Amino acid sequence: MISNSQNETITRLTARRGVPVRGGFTLIEVLIAIAIVVALGAVVGVAFFQQRDTADLNITAIQISSIEKGLDMFYLDYRRYPNEDEGLAVLWDKEVLDPDADETKWQKYLKEPLPNDPWGNEWGYRGEDPEYGEKYDLWSNGVDGEEDSEDDITAWSDDEGDEFDSGISAPDVP
């Protein structure tokens, strides 16, 4: 026999139409919801990483442009580009300046040191080469970190002068 308190509980658990009220989600409903969230996360994740790759290329182009401006400012002060012993570090560190150079002319040519590209690789730099008439070579080894591979990003163009060029689709430099 059902007591009054049990009868009230049963009455409360039934809906107005006489259908029992459910207390939660079924396992199938939870799995479907998880599958939808994972699928959306995958779509967003792929788009995010593609944007990140493009952003790294753009950052590299901007950094190469900044380094080139620093090198040109160094040239205006010393009538030469940094030699290979000084490297790019001379643009932000007076201590690596050639001992024969006039230290009073030195200034900080870059606001922030840029020893590495966005992938953590050291910038490639070769000083002036009078034999070939080149003022300098400046490049990033790209994602793989290996020199002379398809993903290298360079400060020179194989076709014309000193325009930005790269082995991969080059972003426009403002």
N, C-alpha and C. Protein backbone atom coordinates (compact mmCIF):
# COMPACT_ATOMS: atom_id res chain seq x y z
N MET A 1 0.83 -1.17 0.00
CA MET A 1 0.00 0.00 0.00
C MET A 1 0.89 1.24 0.00
N ILE A 2 0.50 2.26 -0.71
CA ILE A 2 1.27 3.49 -0.85
C ILE A 2 0.77 4.49 0.17
N SER A 3 1.74 5.06 0.89
CA SER A 3 1.37 6.06 1.89
C SER A 3 1.13 7.40 1.21
N ASN A 4 0.57 8.33 1.94
CA ASN A 4 0.27 9.66 1.41
C ASN A 4 1.54 10.40 0.97
N SER A 5 2.62 10.29 1.76
CA SER A 5 3.85 11.00 1.40
C SER A 5 4.45 10.44 0.12
N GLN A 6 4.38 9.11 -0.05
CA GLN A 6 4.89 8.50 -1.28
C GLN A 6 4.00 8.89 -2.46
N ASN A 7 2.73 8.97 -2.26
CA ASN A 7 1.79 9.34 -3.30
C ASN A 7 2.05 10.78 -3.75
N GLU A 8 2.34 11.68 -2.81
CA GLU A 8 2.65 13.07 -3.15
C GLU A 8 3.93 13.15 -3.97
N THR A 9 4.95 12.33 -3.61
CA THR A 9 6.20 12.31 -4.35
C THR A 9 5.97 11.85 -5.78
N ILE A 10 5.19 10.80 -5.97
CA ILE A 10 4.89 10.30 -7.31
C ILE A 10 4.14 11.36 -8.10
N THR A 11 3.22 12.07 -7.45
CA THR A 11 2.46 13.11 -8.13
C THR A 11 3.38 14.24 -8.56
N ARG A 12 4.31 14.59 -7.71
CA ARG A 12 5.25 15.67 -8.07
C ARG A 12 6.17 15.27 -9.23
N LEU A 13 6.49 14.00 -9.33
CA LEU A 13 7.41 13.55 -10.37
C LEU A 13 6.74 13.39 -11.73
N THR A 14 5.43 13.47 -11.78
CA THR A 14 4.75 13.37 -13.06
C THR A 14 4.45 14.75 -13.59
N ALA A 15 4.53 14.87 -14.89
CA ALA A 15 4.26 16.16 -15.51
C ALA A 15 2.77 16.40 -15.54
N ARG A 16 2.38 17.54 -16.01
CA ARG A 16 0.96 17.89 -16.06
C ARG A 16 0.19 16.97 -16.97
N ARG A 17 0.86 16.42 -17.96
CA ARG A 17 0.17 15.55 -18.92
C ARG A 17 0.26 14.07 -18.52
N GLY A 18 0.84 13.79 -17.41
CA GLY A 18 0.92 12.42 -16.96
C GLY A 18 2.19 11.71 -17.39
N VAL A 19 3.14 12.42 -17.99
CA VAL A 19 4.40 11.83 -18.41
C VAL A 19 5.41 12.05 -17.29
N PRO A 20 6.18 11.03 -16.93
CA PRO A 20 7.16 11.23 -15.86
C PRO A 20 8.22 12.27 -16.25
N VAL A 21 8.67 13.07 -15.30
CA VAL A 21 9.68 14.10 -15.50
C VAL A 21 11.05 13.44 -15.44
N ARG A 22 11.92 13.76 -16.44
CA ARG A 22 13.26 13.19 -16.46
C ARG A 22 14.20 14.03 -15.60
N GLY A 23 15.15 13.37 -14.98
CA GLY A 23 16.05 14.07 -14.08
C GLY A 23 17.37 14.48 -14.71
N GLY A 24 17.72 14.10 -15.95
CA GLY A 24 19.01 14.44 -16.54
C GLY A 24 19.06 14.08 -18.01
N PHE A 25 20.31 14.11 -18.57
CA PHE A 25 20.51 13.80 -19.98
C PHE A 25 20.88 12.33 -20.12
N THR A 26 20.55 11.76 -21.26
CA THR A 26 20.95 10.38 -21.52
C THR A 26 22.39 10.38 -22.00
N LEU A 27 23.01 9.23 -21.98
CA LEU A 27 24.39 9.09 -22.42
C LEU A 27 24.53 9.49 -23.89
N ILE A 28 23.60 9.15 -24.71
CA ILE A 28 23.63 9.49 -26.14
C ILE A 28 23.61 11.00 -26.32
N GLU A 29 22.77 11.70 -25.59
CA GLU A 29 22.69 13.16 -25.70
C GLU A 29 24.01 13.81 -25.29
N VAL A 30 24.63 13.31 -24.24
CA VAL A 30 25.91 13.86 -23.79
C VAL A 30 26.99 13.60 -24.84
N LEU A 31 27.04 12.40 -25.41
CA LEU A 31 28.03 12.08 -26.43
C LEU A 31 27.85 12.92 -27.69
N ILE A 32 26.62 13.17 -28.07
CA ILE A 32 26.35 14.02 -29.24
C ILE A 32 26.83 15.45 -28.97
N ALA A 33 26.56 15.97 -27.78
CA ALA A 33 27.00 17.32 -27.42
C ALA A 33 28.53 17.41 -27.44
N ILE A 34 29.21 16.40 -26.91
CA ILE A 34 30.67 16.38 -26.90
C ILE A 34 31.20 16.33 -28.34
N ALA A 35 30.60 15.52 -29.19
CA ALA A 35 31.03 15.42 -30.59
C ALA A 35 30.89 16.76 -31.30
N ILE A 36 29.82 17.48 -31.05
CA ILE A 36 29.61 18.79 -31.67
C ILE A 36 30.67 19.78 -31.20
N VAL A 37 30.96 19.80 -29.91
CA VAL A 37 31.98 20.72 -29.37
C VAL A 37 33.35 20.40 -29.94
N VAL A 38 33.70 19.12 -30.03
CA VAL A 38 35.00 18.71 -30.59
C VAL A 38 35.10 19.12 -32.06
N ALA A 39 34.04 18.92 -32.84
CA ALA A 39 34.05 19.29 -34.25
C ALA A 39 34.23 20.80 -34.43
N LEU A 40 33.52 21.58 -33.64
CA LEU A 40 33.67 23.04 -33.71
C LEU A 40 35.08 23.46 -33.28
N GLY A 41 35.61 22.82 -32.26
CA GLY A 41 36.97 23.11 -31.81
C GLY A 41 38.00 22.81 -32.88
N ALA A 42 37.80 21.74 -33.62
CA ALA A 42 38.74 21.38 -34.69
C ALA A 42 38.70 22.42 -35.80
N VAL A 43 37.53 22.86 -36.17
CA VAL A 43 37.40 23.87 -37.24
C VAL A 43 38.07 25.18 -36.80
N VAL A 44 37.80 25.60 -35.59
CA VAL A 44 38.39 26.84 -35.08
C VAL A 44 39.90 26.69 -34.92
N GLY A 45 40.35 25.53 -34.45
CA GLY A 45 41.79 25.29 -34.26
C GLY A 45 42.56 25.36 -35.56
N VAL A 46 42.05 24.76 -36.60
CA VAL A 46 42.72 24.79 -37.90
C VAL A 46 42.82 26.23 -38.40
N ALA A 47 41.75 26.97 -38.31
CA ALA A 47 41.76 28.37 -38.76
C ALA A 47 42.74 29.19 -37.92
N PHE A 48 42.79 28.93 -36.63
CA PHE A 48 43.70 29.66 -35.74
C PHE A 48 45.16 29.41 -36.13
N PHE A 49 45.53 28.16 -36.36
CA PHE A 49 46.92 27.85 -36.68
C PHE A 49 47.32 28.37 -38.06
N GLN A 50 46.38 28.41 -39.00
CA GLN A 50 46.68 28.99 -40.30
C GLN A 50 46.94 30.49 -40.15
N GLN A 51 46.14 31.16 -39.34
CA GLN A 51 46.34 32.59 -39.10
C GLN A 51 47.67 32.83 -38.40
N ARG A 52 48.04 31.94 -37.49
CA ARG A 52 49.30 32.08 -36.76
C ARG A 52 50.48 31.98 -37.72
N ASP A 53 50.43 31.04 -38.67
CA ASP A 53 51.51 30.91 -39.66
C ASP A 53 51.64 32.18 -40.49
N THR A 54 50.51 32.71 -40.93
CA THR A 54 50.52 33.95 -41.70
C THR A 54 51.06 35.10 -40.86
N ALA A 55 50.66 35.16 -39.60
CA ALA A 55 51.16 36.21 -38.71
C ALA A 55 52.66 36.10 -38.51
N ASP A 56 53.19 34.89 -38.37
CA ASP A 56 54.65 34.72 -38.23
C ASP A 56 55.38 35.20 -39.47
N LEU A 57 54.83 34.94 -40.65
CA LEU A 57 55.45 35.44 -41.89
C LEU A 57 55.44 36.96 -41.92
N ASN A 58 54.32 37.56 -41.54
CA ASN A 58 54.23 39.02 -41.53
C ASN A 58 55.18 39.63 -40.50
N ILE A 59 55.27 39.01 -39.33
CA ILE A 59 56.19 39.50 -38.30
C ILE A 59 57.62 39.43 -38.81
N THR A 60 57.96 38.34 -39.47
CA THR A 60 59.31 38.18 -40.02
C THR A 60 59.61 39.28 -41.04
N ALA A 61 58.67 39.56 -41.92
CA ALA A 61 58.87 40.61 -42.92
C ALA A 61 59.07 41.96 -42.26
N ILE A 62 58.29 42.25 -41.23
CA ILE A 62 58.42 43.52 -40.52
C ILE A 62 59.76 43.60 -39.80
N GLN A 63 60.18 42.49 -39.18
CA GLN A 63 61.45 42.49 -38.47
C GLN A 63 62.62 42.64 -39.44
N ILE A 64 62.56 41.99 -40.60
CA ILE A 64 63.62 42.16 -41.60
C ILE A 64 63.69 43.62 -42.03
N SER A 65 62.55 44.22 -42.25
CA SER A 65 62.52 45.64 -42.64
C SER A 65 63.13 46.52 -41.55
N SER A 66 62.82 46.24 -40.29
CA SER A 66 63.38 47.02 -39.18
C SER A 66 64.90 46.84 -39.10
N ILE A 67 65.36 45.62 -39.26
CA ILE A 67 66.80 45.36 -39.22
C ILE A 67 67.49 46.09 -40.38
N GLU A 68 66.88 46.04 -41.57
CA GLU A 68 67.46 46.75 -42.72
C GLU A 68 67.58 48.25 -42.45
N LYS A 69 66.56 48.83 -41.83
CA LYS A 69 66.63 50.26 -41.50
C LYS A 69 67.74 50.52 -40.50
N GLY A 70 67.89 49.64 -39.52
CA GLY A 70 68.98 49.76 -38.56
C GLY A 70 70.34 49.65 -39.23
N LEU A 71 70.47 48.71 -40.17
CA LEU A 71 71.72 48.56 -40.91
C LEU A 71 72.03 49.81 -41.73
N ASP A 72 71.00 50.39 -42.35
CA ASP A 72 71.20 51.61 -43.14
C ASP A 72 71.61 52.78 -42.24
N MET A 73 71.03 52.87 -41.06
CA MET A 73 71.43 53.94 -40.12
C MET A 73 72.88 53.73 -39.66
N PHE A 74 73.26 52.49 -39.41
CA PHE A 74 74.65 52.17 -39.05
C PHE A 74 75.57 52.61 -40.18
N TYR A 75 75.16 52.34 -41.41
CA TYR A 75 75.96 52.72 -42.58
C TYR A 75 76.16 54.24 -42.65
N LEU A 76 75.11 54.98 -42.35
CA LEU A 76 75.21 56.45 -42.38
C LEU A 76 76.24 56.96 -41.37
N ASP A 77 76.32 56.31 -40.22
CA ASP A 77 77.29 56.73 -39.19
C ASP A 77 78.70 56.28 -39.48
N TYR A 78 78.87 55.07 -40.01
CA TYR A 78 80.21 54.49 -40.15
C TYR A 78 80.67 54.31 -41.59
N ARG A 79 79.82 54.63 -42.55
CA ARG A 79 80.15 54.46 -43.97
C ARG A 79 80.52 53.03 -44.31
N ARG A 80 79.94 52.10 -43.58
CA ARG A 80 80.11 50.68 -43.83
C ARG A 80 78.98 49.94 -43.12
N TYR A 81 78.73 48.73 -43.55
CA TYR A 81 77.77 47.88 -42.84
C TYR A 81 78.54 47.06 -41.81
N PRO A 82 77.86 46.55 -40.80
CA PRO A 82 78.57 45.74 -39.80
C PRO A 82 79.28 44.56 -40.45
N ASN A 83 80.49 44.28 -39.96
CA ASN A 83 81.20 43.11 -40.48
C ASN A 83 80.64 41.86 -39.81
N GLU A 84 81.11 40.71 -40.24
CA GLU A 84 80.55 39.45 -39.72
C GLU A 84 80.89 39.24 -38.25
N ASP A 85 82.02 39.79 -37.80
CA ASP A 85 82.36 39.67 -36.37
C ASP A 85 81.38 40.46 -35.50
N GLU A 86 81.00 41.65 -35.97
CA GLU A 86 80.04 42.47 -35.23
C GLU A 86 78.63 41.88 -35.36
N GLY A 87 78.31 41.45 -36.56
CA GLY A 87 76.99 40.88 -36.81
C GLY A 87 75.87 41.87 -36.56
N LEU A 88 74.67 41.35 -36.42
CA LEU A 88 73.51 42.21 -36.18
C LEU A 88 73.50 42.74 -34.75
N ALA A 89 74.20 42.07 -33.86
CA ALA A 89 74.20 42.48 -32.44
C ALA A 89 74.71 43.90 -32.26
N VAL A 90 75.53 44.38 -33.18
CA VAL A 90 76.07 45.73 -33.05
C VAL A 90 74.96 46.79 -33.17
N LEU A 91 73.82 46.39 -33.69
CA LEU A 91 72.71 47.33 -33.82
C LEU A 91 72.08 47.66 -32.47
N TRP A 92 72.27 46.82 -31.45
CA TRP A 92 71.70 47.07 -30.13
C TRP A 92 72.72 46.93 -29.00
N ASP A 93 73.96 46.48 -29.31
CA ASP A 93 74.95 46.25 -28.27
C ASP A 93 76.28 46.89 -28.67
N LYS A 94 76.65 47.96 -27.99
CA LYS A 94 77.87 48.71 -28.28
C LYS A 94 79.13 47.87 -28.02
N GLU A 95 79.02 46.88 -27.16
CA GLU A 95 80.18 46.07 -26.76
C GLU A 95 80.76 45.26 -27.92
N VAL A 96 79.96 44.95 -28.94
CA VAL A 96 80.47 44.14 -30.05
C VAL A 96 81.00 45.00 -31.20
N LEU A 97 80.97 46.30 -31.04
CA LEU A 97 81.49 47.21 -32.06
C LEU A 97 82.98 46.97 -32.26
N ASP A 98 83.42 46.99 -33.51
CA ASP A 98 84.83 46.80 -33.84
C ASP A 98 85.68 47.79 -33.03
N PRO A 99 86.76 47.31 -32.40
CA PRO A 99 87.59 48.20 -31.58
C PRO A 99 88.18 49.39 -32.34
N ASP A 100 88.35 49.24 -33.65
CA ASP A 100 88.91 50.34 -34.46
C ASP A 100 87.86 51.39 -34.82
N ALA A 101 86.58 51.10 -34.58
CA ALA A 101 85.51 52.04 -34.93
C ALA A 101 85.38 53.12 -33.86
N ASP A 102 84.89 54.27 -34.27
CA ASP A 102 84.69 55.40 -33.36
C ASP A 102 83.44 55.16 -32.51
N GLU A 103 83.66 54.86 -31.23
CA GLU A 103 82.53 54.54 -30.34
C GLU A 103 81.61 55.73 -30.09
N THR A 104 82.11 56.93 -30.28
CA THR A 104 81.27 58.11 -30.01
C THR A 104 80.14 58.24 -31.02
N LYS A 105 80.28 57.64 -32.20
CA LYS A 105 79.23 57.69 -33.22
C LYS A 105 78.12 56.68 -32.96
N TRP A 106 78.42 55.67 -32.15
CA TRP A 106 77.47 54.57 -31.97
C TRP A 106 76.21 55.06 -31.27
N GLN A 107 75.10 54.52 -31.71
CA GLN A 107 73.81 54.74 -31.07
C GLN A 107 73.03 53.44 -31.15
N LYS A 108 71.98 53.33 -30.42
CA LYS A 108 71.15 52.13 -30.47
C LYS A 108 70.32 52.21 -31.75
N TYR A 109 70.60 51.32 -32.69
CA TYR A 109 69.96 51.37 -34.00
C TYR A 109 68.62 50.64 -34.04
N LEU A 110 68.39 49.77 -33.08
CA LEU A 110 67.10 49.09 -32.94
C LEU A 110 66.61 49.31 -31.51
N LYS A 111 65.33 49.61 -31.34
CA LYS A 111 64.78 49.83 -30.00
C LYS A 111 64.90 48.60 -29.13
N GLU A 112 64.58 47.44 -29.71
CA GLU A 112 64.62 46.17 -28.98
C GLU A 112 65.58 45.22 -29.69
N PRO A 113 66.37 44.46 -28.94
CA PRO A 113 67.23 43.46 -29.59
C PRO A 113 66.38 42.43 -30.34
N LEU A 114 66.85 42.04 -31.52
CA LEU A 114 66.17 41.03 -32.33
C LEU A 114 67.18 39.93 -32.70
N PRO A 115 67.64 39.16 -31.72
CA PRO A 115 68.64 38.14 -32.04
C PRO A 115 68.08 36.95 -32.81
N ASN A 116 66.76 36.71 -32.69
CA ASN A 116 66.15 35.53 -33.33
C ASN A 116 64.90 35.90 -34.11
N ASP A 117 64.60 35.07 -35.11
CA ASP A 117 63.36 35.24 -35.86
C ASP A 117 62.19 34.68 -35.05
N PRO A 118 60.95 34.80 -35.54
CA PRO A 118 59.80 34.31 -34.78
C PRO A 118 59.82 32.81 -34.45
N TRP A 119 60.65 32.03 -35.15
CA TRP A 119 60.72 30.60 -34.88
C TRP A 119 61.88 30.25 -33.96
N GLY A 120 62.56 31.27 -33.43
CA GLY A 120 63.64 31.04 -32.48
C GLY A 120 64.99 30.78 -33.13
N ASN A 121 65.08 30.92 -34.44
CA ASN A 121 66.35 30.72 -35.15
C ASN A 121 67.12 32.04 -35.21
N GLU A 122 68.43 31.94 -35.13
CA GLU A 122 69.25 33.15 -35.25
C GLU A 122 69.14 33.68 -36.69
N TRP A 123 69.11 35.01 -36.82
CA TRP A 123 69.05 35.61 -38.15
C TRP A 123 70.32 35.26 -38.91
N GLY A 124 70.18 35.06 -40.21
CA GLY A 124 71.35 34.87 -41.06
C GLY A 124 71.84 36.24 -41.51
N TYR A 125 73.15 36.48 -41.37
CA TYR A 125 73.71 37.76 -41.79
C TYR A 125 75.12 37.53 -42.31
N ARG A 126 75.41 38.11 -43.46
CA ARG A 126 76.77 38.17 -44.00
C ARG A 126 77.05 39.62 -44.32
N GLY A 127 78.21 40.08 -43.88
CA GLY A 127 78.59 41.47 -44.12
C GLY A 127 78.84 41.75 -45.60
N GLU A 128 79.27 42.97 -45.86
CA GLU A 128 79.53 43.41 -47.24
C GLU A 128 80.45 42.45 -47.98
N ASP A 129 80.20 42.29 -49.25
CA ASP A 129 81.06 41.47 -50.09
C ASP A 129 81.42 42.29 -51.33
N PRO A 130 82.55 43.02 -51.24
CA PRO A 130 82.93 43.90 -52.35
C PRO A 130 83.12 43.14 -53.67
N GLU A 131 83.51 41.88 -53.59
CA GLU A 131 83.74 41.10 -54.79
C GLU A 131 82.48 40.98 -55.64
N TYR A 132 81.33 40.88 -54.96
CA TYR A 132 80.06 40.73 -55.68
C TYR A 132 79.24 42.01 -55.68
N GLY A 133 79.72 43.05 -55.04
CA GLY A 133 79.00 44.32 -55.02
C GLY A 133 77.77 44.30 -54.13
N GLU A 134 77.69 43.34 -53.22
CA GLU A 134 76.54 43.24 -52.34
C GLU A 134 76.82 44.00 -51.05
N LYS A 135 75.80 44.72 -50.57
CA LYS A 135 76.00 45.45 -49.33
C LYS A 135 75.95 44.52 -48.12
N TYR A 136 75.08 43.54 -48.12
CA TYR A 136 74.99 42.52 -47.07
C TYR A 136 73.92 41.51 -47.47
N ASP A 137 73.91 40.40 -46.79
CA ASP A 137 72.85 39.40 -46.94
C ASP A 137 72.17 39.26 -45.60
N LEU A 138 70.85 39.27 -45.60
CA LEU A 138 70.05 39.13 -44.38
C LEU A 138 68.89 38.18 -44.67
N TRP A 139 68.71 37.17 -43.81
CA TRP A 139 67.66 36.21 -44.05
C TRP A 139 67.23 35.51 -42.77
N SER A 140 66.07 34.88 -42.86
CA SER A 140 65.56 33.99 -41.81
C SER A 140 65.53 32.60 -42.41
N ASN A 141 65.91 31.61 -41.64
CA ASN A 141 65.89 30.23 -42.13
C ASN A 141 64.49 29.63 -42.12
N GLY A 142 63.51 30.39 -41.70
CA GLY A 142 62.13 29.94 -41.75
C GLY A 142 61.78 28.90 -40.70
N VAL A 143 60.67 28.25 -40.91
CA VAL A 143 60.11 27.31 -39.95
C VAL A 143 61.06 26.14 -39.67
N ASP A 144 61.68 25.59 -40.72
CA ASP A 144 62.50 24.40 -40.53
C ASP A 144 63.88 24.70 -39.94
N GLY A 145 64.29 25.96 -39.94
CA GLY A 145 65.57 26.35 -39.34
C GLY A 145 66.79 25.96 -40.17
N GLU A 146 66.59 25.50 -41.40
CA GLU A 146 67.70 25.10 -42.25
C GLU A 146 67.94 26.12 -43.35
N GLU A 147 69.20 26.46 -43.56
CA GLU A 147 69.56 27.44 -44.58
C GLU A 147 69.40 26.83 -45.97
N ASP A 148 69.06 27.68 -46.92
CA ASP A 148 68.89 27.30 -48.34
C ASP A 148 67.79 26.27 -48.55
N SER A 149 66.70 26.42 -47.83
CA SER A 149 65.55 25.54 -48.07
C SER A 149 64.40 26.41 -48.61
N GLU A 150 63.33 25.77 -48.99
CA GLU A 150 62.23 26.47 -49.65
C GLU A 150 61.54 27.51 -48.77
N ASP A 151 61.59 27.33 -47.46
CA ASP A 151 60.85 28.25 -46.59
C ASP A 151 61.68 29.42 -46.09
N ASP A 152 62.91 29.59 -46.60
CA ASP A 152 63.74 30.72 -46.18
C ASP A 152 63.08 32.03 -46.59
N ILE A 153 63.25 33.03 -45.76
CA ILE A 153 62.71 34.36 -46.03
C ILE A 153 63.90 35.31 -46.10
N THR A 154 64.05 35.97 -47.22
CA THR A 154 65.25 36.78 -47.46
C THR A 154 64.91 38.26 -47.62
N ALA A 155 65.95 39.08 -47.45
CA ALA A 155 65.79 40.52 -47.61
C ALA A 155 66.14 40.97 -49.02
N TRP A 156 66.47 40.04 -49.88
CA TRP A 156 66.81 40.40 -51.25
C TRP A 156 65.86 39.70 -52.21
N SER A 157 65.87 40.19 -53.43
CA SER A 157 65.06 39.58 -54.48
C SER A 157 66.02 39.05 -55.54
N ASP A 158 65.71 37.91 -56.09
CA ASP A 158 66.55 37.37 -57.15
C ASP A 158 66.38 38.16 -58.44
N ASP A 159 65.27 38.91 -58.53
CA ASP A 159 64.97 39.65 -59.76
C ASP A 159 65.45 41.09 -59.72
N GLU A 160 65.15 41.79 -58.62
CA GLU A 160 65.44 43.22 -58.57
C GLU A 160 65.97 43.62 -57.21
N GLY A 161 67.00 44.41 -57.18
CA GLY A 161 67.52 45.11 -56.01
C GLY A 161 67.27 44.50 -54.66
N ASP A 162 66.76 45.32 -53.74
CA ASP A 162 66.61 44.93 -52.34
C ASP A 162 65.17 44.78 -51.92
N GLU A 163 64.30 44.35 -52.81
CA GLU A 163 62.91 44.15 -52.42
C GLU A 163 62.80 42.91 -51.57
N PHE A 164 61.80 42.88 -50.71
CA PHE A 164 61.56 41.71 -49.87
C PHE A 164 61.13 40.54 -50.75
N ASP A 165 61.69 39.37 -50.50
CA ASP A 165 61.33 38.19 -51.25
C ASP A 165 61.48 36.99 -50.33
N SER A 166 60.80 35.92 -50.65
CA SER A 166 60.95 34.70 -49.85
C SER A 166 60.66 33.49 -50.69
N GLY A 167 61.04 32.34 -50.17
CA GLY A 167 60.79 31.09 -50.87
C GLY A 167 59.33 30.67 -50.76
N ILE A 168 58.59 31.23 -49.82
CA ILE A 168 57.17 30.94 -49.68
C ILE A 168 56.42 32.22 -50.01
N SER A 169 55.12 32.14 -50.07
CA SER A 169 54.36 33.33 -50.47
C SER A 169 54.68 34.48 -49.53
N ALA A 170 55.29 35.50 -50.08
CA ALA A 170 55.80 36.62 -49.29
C ALA A 170 54.70 37.59 -48.94
N PRO A 171 54.59 37.96 -47.66
CA PRO A 171 53.62 38.98 -47.30
C PRO A 171 54.12 40.35 -47.74
N ASP A 172 53.20 41.27 -47.93
CA ASP A 172 53.59 42.64 -48.27
C ASP A 172 54.13 43.33 -47.05
N VAL A 173 55.23 44.06 -47.24
CA VAL A 173 55.81 44.81 -46.14
C VAL A 173 55.32 46.25 -46.24
N PRO A 174 54.71 46.77 -45.16
CA PRO A 174 54.20 48.15 -45.24
C PRO A 174 55.32 49.16 -45.31
